[in-house]
N, C-alpha and C. Protein backbone atom coordinates (compact mmCIF):
# COMPACT_ATOMS: atom_id res chain seq x y z
N MET A 1 51.51 -113.25 76.40
CA MET A 1 52.17 -114.70 76.90
C MET A 1 51.21 -115.33 77.72
N CYS A 2 51.06 -116.82 77.31
CA CYS A 2 50.33 -117.61 78.20
C CYS A 2 50.78 -118.85 78.44
N SER A 3 50.26 -119.89 79.34
CA SER A 3 50.71 -121.07 79.64
C SER A 3 49.67 -122.16 79.50
N LEU A 4 49.89 -123.09 78.76
CA LEU A 4 48.84 -124.25 78.78
C LEU A 4 49.65 -125.70 78.98
N PHE A 5 49.32 -126.44 79.87
CA PHE A 5 49.83 -127.75 80.08
C PHE A 5 51.26 -127.46 80.06
N GLY A 6 51.82 -126.41 81.04
CA GLY A 6 53.24 -126.29 81.12
C GLY A 6 54.27 -125.59 79.90
N THR A 7 53.48 -125.58 78.87
CA THR A 7 54.16 -124.89 77.74
C THR A 7 53.76 -123.48 77.71
N VAL A 8 54.74 -122.55 77.43
CA VAL A 8 54.70 -121.07 77.56
C VAL A 8 54.42 -120.74 76.12
N PHE A 9 53.43 -119.82 75.83
CA PHE A 9 53.23 -119.41 74.28
C PHE A 9 53.37 -117.92 74.35
N THR A 10 53.84 -117.40 73.38
CA THR A 10 53.82 -115.96 73.05
C THR A 10 52.94 -115.77 71.87
N GLY A 11 52.20 -114.80 71.81
CA GLY A 11 51.29 -114.58 70.68
C GLY A 11 51.75 -113.38 69.74
N LEU A 12 51.33 -113.44 68.43
CA LEU A 12 51.62 -112.23 67.48
C LEU A 12 50.62 -112.35 66.55
N VAL A 13 50.06 -111.14 66.05
CA VAL A 13 48.87 -111.08 65.28
C VAL A 13 49.48 -110.33 64.06
N ALA A 14 49.48 -110.81 62.87
CA ALA A 14 50.13 -110.34 61.58
C ALA A 14 49.18 -110.58 60.56
N GLN A 15 48.63 -109.62 59.78
CA GLN A 15 48.01 -109.68 58.53
C GLN A 15 46.84 -110.82 58.69
N GLY A 16 46.08 -110.75 59.68
CA GLY A 16 44.84 -111.57 59.92
C GLY A 16 45.32 -112.98 60.44
N ARG A 17 46.37 -113.08 60.76
CA ARG A 17 46.92 -114.48 61.42
C ARG A 17 47.41 -114.32 62.75
N PHE A 18 46.98 -115.31 63.54
CA PHE A 18 47.47 -115.27 64.81
C PHE A 18 48.46 -116.37 65.26
N TYR A 19 49.58 -116.03 65.52
CA TYR A 19 50.78 -117.02 65.57
C TYR A 19 50.96 -117.23 66.95
N LEU A 20 51.23 -118.47 67.50
CA LEU A 20 51.55 -118.79 68.81
C LEU A 20 52.96 -119.49 68.74
N LYS A 21 53.85 -118.99 69.60
CA LYS A 21 55.17 -119.71 69.67
C LYS A 21 55.43 -120.29 70.79
N THR A 22 55.66 -121.48 70.91
CA THR A 22 55.89 -122.29 72.24
C THR A 22 57.29 -122.14 72.77
N THR A 23 57.66 -122.44 73.86
CA THR A 23 59.11 -122.30 74.49
C THR A 23 59.99 -123.30 73.69
N ILE A 24 59.42 -124.41 72.96
CA ILE A 24 60.23 -125.26 72.36
C ILE A 24 60.46 -124.84 70.94
N GLY A 25 59.90 -123.65 70.64
CA GLY A 25 60.18 -123.26 69.16
C GLY A 25 58.88 -123.66 68.17
N VAL A 26 57.97 -124.25 68.49
CA VAL A 26 56.96 -124.79 67.56
C VAL A 26 56.07 -123.42 67.32
N VAL A 27 55.60 -123.27 66.25
CA VAL A 27 54.73 -122.04 65.83
C VAL A 27 53.49 -122.67 65.21
N ILE A 28 52.34 -122.28 65.90
CA ILE A 28 50.97 -122.68 65.61
C ILE A 28 50.43 -121.47 65.02
N GLU A 29 49.85 -121.63 63.98
CA GLU A 29 49.14 -120.54 63.14
C GLU A 29 47.63 -120.74 63.03
N TYR A 30 46.84 -119.83 63.60
CA TYR A 30 45.42 -119.71 63.56
C TYR A 30 44.99 -118.67 62.67
N ILE A 31 44.28 -119.11 61.64
CA ILE A 31 43.64 -118.05 60.73
C ILE A 31 42.23 -117.82 60.88
N TRP A 32 41.60 -116.85 61.02
CA TRP A 32 40.17 -116.73 61.04
C TRP A 32 39.62 -116.08 59.73
N GLY A 33 38.71 -116.25 59.41
CA GLY A 33 38.12 -115.68 58.03
C GLY A 33 37.36 -114.22 57.98
N GLY A 34 37.03 -113.92 57.02
CA GLY A 34 36.41 -112.58 56.75
C GLY A 34 37.57 -111.43 56.69
N ALA A 35 37.15 -110.36 55.84
CA ALA A 35 38.04 -109.31 55.84
C ALA A 35 38.48 -108.69 57.14
N ASN A 36 37.50 -108.50 57.93
CA ASN A 36 37.56 -107.93 59.20
C ASN A 36 38.62 -108.71 60.11
N ARG A 37 38.47 -110.10 59.99
CA ARG A 37 39.59 -110.77 60.68
C ARG A 37 39.35 -110.71 62.20
N LEU A 38 38.19 -110.59 62.62
CA LEU A 38 37.95 -110.90 63.92
C LEU A 38 37.32 -112.21 64.31
N PRO A 39 37.45 -112.83 65.36
CA PRO A 39 36.92 -114.27 65.62
C PRO A 39 35.31 -113.82 65.77
N PRO A 40 34.84 -115.05 65.44
CA PRO A 40 33.20 -115.02 65.28
C PRO A 40 32.54 -114.24 66.58
N LYS A 41 32.81 -114.65 67.63
CA LYS A 41 32.19 -113.94 68.86
C LYS A 41 32.22 -112.35 68.76
N GLU A 42 33.34 -112.03 68.46
CA GLU A 42 33.53 -110.46 68.24
C GLU A 42 32.82 -109.73 67.23
N ASN A 43 32.72 -110.49 66.09
CA ASN A 43 31.92 -110.18 64.98
C ASN A 43 30.33 -110.08 65.38
N GLU A 44 29.96 -110.95 66.32
CA GLU A 44 28.47 -110.97 66.58
C GLU A 44 28.52 -109.78 67.66
N PHE A 45 29.29 -109.41 68.56
CA PHE A 45 29.23 -108.34 69.39
C PHE A 45 29.07 -107.02 68.92
N LEU A 46 29.86 -106.93 67.56
CA LEU A 46 30.00 -105.76 66.80
C LEU A 46 28.55 -105.68 66.08
N ALA A 47 28.15 -106.67 65.51
CA ALA A 47 26.80 -106.47 64.86
C ALA A 47 25.76 -106.15 65.77
N GLN A 48 25.81 -106.61 66.89
CA GLN A 48 24.59 -106.27 67.97
C GLN A 48 24.94 -104.91 68.56
N GLU A 49 26.11 -104.48 68.59
CA GLU A 49 26.27 -103.12 68.91
C GLU A 49 25.83 -102.00 67.77
N ILE A 50 26.15 -102.47 66.63
CA ILE A 50 25.55 -101.69 65.51
C ILE A 50 24.07 -101.57 65.65
N ALA A 51 23.26 -102.75 65.76
CA ALA A 51 21.78 -102.73 65.85
C ALA A 51 21.21 -101.87 67.09
N GLU A 52 22.02 -101.78 68.15
CA GLU A 52 21.64 -101.03 69.27
C GLU A 52 21.75 -99.72 68.90
N VAL A 53 23.07 -99.26 68.59
CA VAL A 53 23.28 -97.82 68.25
C VAL A 53 22.45 -97.14 67.21
N LEU A 54 22.15 -97.95 66.15
CA LEU A 54 21.11 -97.42 65.10
C LEU A 54 19.76 -97.58 65.45
N ASP A 55 19.46 -98.37 66.67
CA ASP A 55 18.16 -98.71 66.88
C ASP A 55 17.40 -99.46 65.76
N ASP A 56 18.07 -100.51 65.27
CA ASP A 56 17.50 -101.16 64.21
C ASP A 56 17.80 -102.63 64.43
N SER A 57 17.18 -103.31 65.13
CA SER A 57 17.49 -104.73 65.61
C SER A 57 17.02 -105.57 64.41
N HIS A 58 15.92 -105.19 63.67
CA HIS A 58 15.38 -106.20 62.59
C HIS A 58 16.54 -106.39 61.39
N SER A 59 17.53 -105.55 61.37
CA SER A 59 18.49 -105.59 60.31
C SER A 59 19.72 -106.26 60.72
N LEU A 60 19.61 -106.95 61.93
CA LEU A 60 20.91 -107.51 62.50
C LEU A 60 21.58 -108.60 61.48
N GLY A 61 20.76 -109.38 60.64
CA GLY A 61 21.43 -110.38 59.81
C GLY A 61 22.19 -109.57 58.76
N ALA A 62 21.80 -108.31 58.21
CA ALA A 62 22.51 -107.44 57.47
C ALA A 62 23.90 -107.07 57.85
N PHE A 63 23.67 -106.68 59.32
CA PHE A 63 24.92 -106.13 60.09
C PHE A 63 25.85 -107.26 60.15
N ARG A 64 25.45 -108.63 60.53
CA ARG A 64 26.47 -109.52 60.57
C ARG A 64 27.18 -109.68 59.27
N VAL A 65 26.61 -109.65 58.17
CA VAL A 65 27.11 -109.93 56.89
C VAL A 65 28.18 -108.83 56.73
N ILE A 66 27.90 -107.60 56.95
CA ILE A 66 28.72 -106.40 56.82
C ILE A 66 29.99 -106.47 57.80
N VAL A 67 29.73 -106.74 58.88
CA VAL A 67 30.75 -106.90 59.91
C VAL A 67 31.74 -108.01 59.52
N ASP A 68 31.38 -109.08 58.84
CA ASP A 68 32.26 -110.19 58.54
C ASP A 68 33.04 -109.65 57.17
N LYS A 69 32.49 -108.82 56.52
CA LYS A 69 33.37 -108.70 55.16
C LYS A 69 33.96 -107.16 55.22
N ILE A 70 33.66 -106.18 55.86
CA ILE A 70 34.20 -105.00 56.09
C ILE A 70 35.04 -104.66 57.21
N PRO A 71 36.02 -103.96 57.12
CA PRO A 71 36.98 -103.86 58.06
C PRO A 71 36.45 -102.93 59.24
N LYS A 72 36.70 -103.45 60.46
CA LYS A 72 36.14 -102.64 61.69
C LYS A 72 36.22 -101.23 61.50
N GLN A 73 37.56 -100.82 61.35
CA GLN A 73 37.84 -99.31 61.47
C GLN A 73 36.97 -98.59 60.51
N GLN A 74 36.49 -99.16 59.28
CA GLN A 74 35.48 -98.48 58.29
C GLN A 74 34.24 -98.55 58.66
N ILE A 75 33.79 -99.45 59.61
CA ILE A 75 32.33 -99.56 60.16
C ILE A 75 32.45 -98.44 61.31
N ARG A 76 33.37 -98.30 61.91
CA ARG A 76 33.32 -97.30 62.77
C ARG A 76 33.33 -95.74 62.32
N ILE A 77 33.92 -95.78 61.08
CA ILE A 77 33.74 -94.31 60.43
C ILE A 77 32.38 -94.11 59.88
N PHE A 78 31.74 -95.23 59.46
CA PHE A 78 30.28 -95.27 59.03
C PHE A 78 29.35 -94.71 60.11
N LEU A 79 29.60 -95.41 61.49
CA LEU A 79 28.81 -95.09 62.61
C LEU A 79 29.01 -93.60 63.04
N SER A 80 30.29 -93.18 62.92
CA SER A 80 30.53 -91.74 63.05
C SER A 80 29.65 -90.75 62.11
N ILE A 81 29.69 -91.17 60.83
CA ILE A 81 29.11 -90.28 59.77
C ILE A 81 27.59 -90.20 60.18
N ILE A 82 27.06 -91.43 60.50
CA ILE A 82 25.62 -91.46 60.70
C ILE A 82 25.31 -90.54 62.08
N LYS A 83 26.25 -90.89 62.95
CA LYS A 83 26.06 -90.00 64.18
C LYS A 83 25.78 -88.40 63.82
N ASP A 84 26.70 -87.99 63.15
CA ASP A 84 26.66 -86.55 62.85
C ASP A 84 25.58 -86.33 61.94
N THR A 85 25.28 -86.96 61.10
CA THR A 85 24.16 -86.81 60.17
C THR A 85 22.66 -86.87 60.92
N TYR A 86 22.58 -87.59 61.77
CA TYR A 86 21.62 -88.03 62.73
C TYR A 86 21.35 -86.56 63.54
N LEU A 87 22.34 -86.13 64.02
CA LEU A 87 22.32 -84.92 64.97
C LEU A 87 22.01 -83.73 64.25
N THR A 88 22.38 -83.83 62.89
CA THR A 88 21.87 -82.46 62.37
C THR A 88 20.44 -82.58 61.45
N GLY A 89 19.90 -83.87 61.83
CA GLY A 89 18.53 -83.95 61.40
C GLY A 89 18.42 -84.23 59.78
N ARG A 90 19.42 -84.58 59.23
CA ARG A 90 19.32 -84.91 57.78
C ARG A 90 19.48 -86.36 57.39
N ILE A 91 18.81 -87.34 58.20
CA ILE A 91 18.56 -88.64 57.66
C ILE A 91 17.15 -88.66 57.31
N LYS A 92 17.02 -89.20 56.07
CA LYS A 92 15.60 -89.21 55.46
C LYS A 92 14.89 -90.60 55.64
N ASN A 93 15.63 -91.74 55.50
CA ASN A 93 14.88 -93.02 56.04
C ASN A 93 15.19 -93.36 57.58
N SER A 94 16.17 -94.07 57.86
CA SER A 94 16.51 -94.58 58.93
C SER A 94 17.93 -94.65 59.11
N ARG A 95 18.59 -94.75 60.39
CA ARG A 95 19.95 -94.72 60.60
C ARG A 95 20.50 -96.01 59.98
N GLY A 96 19.67 -97.18 60.18
CA GLY A 96 20.21 -98.50 59.76
C GLY A 96 20.12 -98.39 58.18
N ALA A 97 19.18 -97.71 57.65
CA ALA A 97 19.25 -97.72 56.11
C ALA A 97 20.51 -96.89 55.44
N MET A 98 20.68 -95.97 56.40
CA MET A 98 21.94 -95.24 55.88
C MET A 98 23.25 -95.99 55.88
N PHE A 99 23.31 -96.73 57.09
CA PHE A 99 24.54 -97.69 57.35
C PHE A 99 24.77 -98.62 56.10
N ILE A 100 23.56 -99.47 56.01
CA ILE A 100 23.63 -100.28 54.93
C ILE A 100 24.14 -99.55 53.44
N THR A 101 23.38 -98.55 53.24
CA THR A 101 23.86 -97.66 52.05
C THR A 101 25.42 -97.54 51.97
N LEU A 102 25.73 -96.88 53.10
CA LEU A 102 27.27 -96.65 53.12
C LEU A 102 28.19 -97.92 52.95
N ALA A 103 27.70 -99.02 53.58
CA ALA A 103 28.51 -100.45 53.56
C ALA A 103 28.25 -100.66 51.99
N LYS A 104 27.18 -100.78 51.45
CA LYS A 104 27.11 -101.16 49.96
C LYS A 104 28.10 -100.50 49.12
N ASP A 105 28.16 -99.15 49.33
CA ASP A 105 28.79 -98.30 48.41
C ASP A 105 30.40 -98.56 48.63
N TYR A 106 30.64 -98.74 49.87
CA TYR A 106 32.11 -99.02 50.22
C TYR A 106 32.37 -100.22 49.61
N ALA A 107 31.60 -101.34 49.74
CA ALA A 107 31.84 -102.76 49.10
C ALA A 107 32.00 -102.79 47.55
N ARG A 108 31.08 -102.04 46.94
CA ARG A 108 31.11 -101.83 45.51
C ARG A 108 32.45 -101.14 45.11
N ASP A 109 33.00 -100.14 45.75
CA ASP A 109 34.07 -99.41 45.50
C ASP A 109 35.50 -100.19 45.73
N ASN A 110 35.24 -101.34 46.69
CA ASN A 110 36.55 -102.08 47.02
C ASN A 110 36.33 -103.48 46.55
N ASN A 111 35.41 -103.85 45.69
CA ASN A 111 35.26 -105.16 45.02
C ASN A 111 34.96 -106.09 46.14
N ILE A 112 34.13 -105.88 47.21
CA ILE A 112 33.64 -106.81 48.17
C ILE A 112 32.30 -107.16 47.84
N ASN A 113 31.92 -108.39 47.79
CA ASN A 113 30.58 -108.93 47.47
C ASN A 113 29.91 -109.24 48.89
N LEU A 114 28.96 -108.41 49.09
CA LEU A 114 27.96 -108.58 50.28
C LEU A 114 26.87 -109.41 50.06
N ASN A 115 26.65 -109.95 48.71
CA ASN A 115 25.57 -110.70 48.38
C ASN A 115 24.35 -110.12 48.72
N PHE A 116 24.21 -108.66 48.57
CA PHE A 116 23.01 -107.98 48.72
C PHE A 116 22.33 -107.66 47.50
N LYS A 117 20.95 -107.68 47.34
CA LYS A 117 20.32 -107.35 46.25
C LYS A 117 20.31 -105.65 45.93
């Protein structure tokens, strides 16, 4: 619940839409894009976090695309898999390459176009 110019708003998030209902009954709908349904600033923070965790800042552009199109929960699963694989010493290339491979496989299986070659 928040107040703006004397009008009280209550918020509800449902299926990627954010609804604000005012005290006078007017409902304002805000929809943000991407399968992840995060505001752009949160997407950027998540992409930067991925780059830091994977020690792969030069792939930040690819991480931004992935964060915009793949659900946040699935991204966290990818990071968990990579952490486990890294700790067991089984990563052949880099953690960033493995992340992108997992994302591409997930996107292919779920008909998500990442526009990667």
